[in-house]
Amino acid sequence: MSAEEPSSDSTRDRRAVLQANRAFYEAFNARDIEAMADLWLRADDVTCIHPHRNVTTGHADVQRTWRAILTNPDQPKIVFAAEEARVVGDIGIVAGREVVAGVPIVATNIYQRSQQADLTDNADTPDNTWFLIHHHGSPVLHTE
């Protein structure tokens, strides 16, 4: 295998992170508060930055922000496209573009692979599950 060919493990990890990312947007578009909460690592140091907002830290506070968004009847669905994924060890990074009601937003979602020792708060989850540890959405700056 050449240095440029990804190993089957890295390809499998990349696919798993992309699937976790798709589950994130499916939970968003279904307005599924419980599914959204289950996608996040239950930890005090997870973070989320919604467009035009400050950083929110901690699973409970992050979930409060998602609950407010997902219960808003005027919240449009999100289309996520142009996704690029990279896995480095137990961290997966997915960057791409969200389109919300026709408005482009750049987004970065960072995932951490579960290890049995990390699962005290996600106790029923098997090893090798990818949990969100950070979401950042930001409007695209137009400079024309």
Protein backbone atom coordinates (compact mmCIF):
# COMPACT_ATOMS: atom_id res chain seq x y z
CA MET A 1 0.00 0.00 0.00
CA SER A 2 1.40 3.39 -0.94
CA ALA A 3 1.53 6.31 1.48
CA GLU A 4 -1.35 7.93 -0.42
CA GLU A 5 -3.76 5.01 -0.20
CA PRO A 6 -5.90 5.03 2.90
CA SER A 7 -5.93 1.84 4.95
CA SER A 8 -9.17 -0.10 5.20
CA ASP A 9 -9.37 0.94 8.87
CA SER A 10 -9.09 4.63 8.02
CA THR A 11 -11.67 4.25 5.22
CA ARG A 12 -14.00 2.45 7.62
CA ASP A 13 -13.48 5.15 10.28
CA ARG A 14 -14.12 7.93 7.76
CA ARG A 15 -17.35 6.25 6.64
CA ALA A 16 -18.44 5.80 10.27
CA VAL A 17 -17.81 9.49 11.02
CA LEU A 18 -19.74 10.53 7.91
CA GLN A 19 -22.62 8.27 8.99
CA ALA A 20 -22.59 9.86 12.46
CA ASN A 21 -22.68 13.25 10.77
CA ARG A 22 -25.66 12.22 8.64
CA ALA A 23 -27.42 11.04 11.81
CA PHE A 24 -26.85 14.51 13.28
CA TYR A 25 -28.62 16.22 10.37
CA GLU A 26 -31.36 13.57 10.33
CA ALA A 27 -32.05 14.25 14.02
CA PHE A 28 -32.07 17.98 13.29
CA ASN A 29 -34.48 17.72 10.37
CA ALA A 30 -36.73 15.28 12.23
CA ARG A 31 -36.71 17.64 15.25
CA ASP A 32 -35.82 14.62 17.36
CA ILE A 33 -34.59 16.04 20.67
CA GLU A 34 -33.75 12.63 22.15
CA ALA A 35 -31.80 11.49 19.10
CA MET A 36 -29.90 14.78 19.13
CA ALA A 37 -28.98 14.32 22.79
CA ASP A 38 -27.85 10.74 22.16
CA LEU A 39 -25.46 11.86 19.43
CA TRP A 40 -23.46 14.02 21.84
CA LEU A 41 -20.85 12.77 24.29
CA ARG A 42 -22.28 13.32 27.75
CA ALA A 43 -19.42 15.39 29.07
CA ASP A 44 -18.86 18.78 30.65
CA ASP A 45 -16.39 19.86 27.96
CA VAL A 46 -18.47 19.42 24.79
CA THR A 47 -19.00 22.71 22.97
CA CYS A 48 -21.39 24.20 20.44
CA ILE A 49 -21.39 27.50 18.58
CA HIS A 50 -24.59 28.31 16.72
CA PRO A 51 -24.49 31.10 14.12
CA HIS A 52 -24.33 34.56 15.73
CA ARG A 53 -24.09 33.08 19.23
CA ASN A 54 -21.41 32.58 21.83
CA VAL A 55 -19.89 29.23 22.70
CA THR A 56 -22.05 26.93 24.82
CA THR A 57 -20.23 24.38 26.98
CA GLY A 58 -21.40 21.18 28.65
CA HIS A 59 -23.85 18.51 27.55
CA ALA A 60 -26.84 19.89 29.48
CA ASP A 61 -26.40 23.46 28.25
CA VAL A 62 -25.69 22.36 24.67
CA GLN A 63 -28.84 20.26 24.72
CA ARG A 64 -30.85 23.25 25.98
CA THR A 65 -29.79 25.15 22.86
CA TRP A 66 -30.80 22.26 20.61
CA ARG A 67 -34.14 21.87 22.40
CA ALA A 68 -34.87 25.56 21.76
CA ILE A 69 -33.96 25.22 18.08
CA LEU A 70 -35.76 21.92 17.49
CA THR A 71 -38.99 23.04 19.19
CA ASN A 72 -39.12 26.29 17.21
CA PRO A 73 -41.94 25.75 14.71
CA ASP A 74 -40.34 28.28 12.33
CA GLN A 75 -36.97 26.51 12.24
CA PRO A 76 -36.30 25.45 8.64
CA LYS A 77 -34.64 22.18 7.73
CA ILE A 78 -30.94 22.03 6.94
CA VAL A 79 -29.34 20.62 3.82
CA PHE A 80 -25.73 19.60 4.44
CA ALA A 81 -23.43 19.33 1.42
CA ALA A 82 -19.83 19.43 0.26
CA GLU A 83 -18.81 17.37 3.26
CA GLU A 84 -15.18 16.56 3.84
CA ALA A 85 -14.15 14.16 6.60
CA ARG A 86 -10.85 13.43 8.24
CA VAL A 87 -10.06 11.01 11.04
CA VAL A 88 -7.01 11.40 13.24
CA GLY A 89 -6.83 8.69 15.86
CA ASP A 90 -10.06 8.82 17.84
CA ILE A 91 -11.11 12.24 16.52
CA GLY A 92 -13.22 12.71 13.40
CA ILE A 93 -13.72 16.09 11.78
CA VAL A 94 -16.43 16.82 9.24
CA ALA A 95 -16.52 20.19 7.50
CA GLY A 96 -19.08 21.27 4.97
CA ARG A 97 -21.78 23.69 4.07
CA GLU A 98 -25.24 23.91 5.60
CA VAL A 99 -27.99 25.62 3.67
CA VAL A 100 -30.72 26.93 5.97
CA ALA A 101 -33.69 28.55 4.23
CA GLY A 102 -31.41 29.36 1.29
CA VAL A 103 -28.71 30.90 3.49
CA PRO A 104 -25.26 29.26 3.29
CA ILE A 105 -23.52 28.45 6.56
CA VAL A 106 -20.16 26.75 6.97
CA ALA A 107 -20.16 24.05 9.61
CA THR A 108 -17.59 21.95 11.39
CA ASN A 109 -18.60 18.95 13.46
CA ILE A 110 -16.02 17.17 15.58
CA TYR A 111 -16.57 13.62 16.81
CA GLN A 112 -14.77 11.47 19.35
CA ARG A 113 -14.70 7.70 19.09
CA SER A 114 -16.02 6.03 22.22
CA GLN A 115 -13.79 3.84 24.29
CA GLN A 116 -15.21 1.65 27.03
CA ALA A 117 -13.48 3.77 29.70
CA ASP A 118 -15.19 6.89 28.33
CA LEU A 119 -18.70 5.50 28.50
CA THR A 120 -19.67 6.11 32.09
CA ASP A 121 -22.30 8.66 31.00
CA ASN A 122 -23.14 6.87 27.71
CA ALA A 123 -23.18 3.47 29.41
CA ASP A 124 -25.39 1.60 26.94
CA THR A 125 -23.29 2.56 23.92
CA PRO A 126 -20.91 0.11 22.25
CA ASP A 127 -17.23 0.82 21.62
CA ASN A 128 -16.39 2.59 18.37
CA THR A 129 -19.44 4.83 18.41
CA TRP A 130 -18.66 8.36 17.25
CA PHE A 131 -20.06 11.08 19.53
CA LEU A 132 -20.25 14.77 18.77
CA ILE A 133 -17.98 16.84 20.96
CA HIS A 134 -18.21 20.12 19.02
CA HIS A 135 -20.47 21.78 16.45
CA HIS A 136 -19.73 25.18 14.94
CA GLY A 137 -21.98 26.87 12.39
CA SER A 138 -21.07 30.25 10.97
CA PRO A 139 -22.53 32.41 8.21
CA VAL A 140 -20.53 32.66 5.01
CA LEU A 141 -18.96 36.04 4.49
CA HIS A 142 -19.73 37.42 1.05
CA THR A 143 -16.95 39.61 -0.31
CA GLU A 144 -17.83 40.74 -3.81
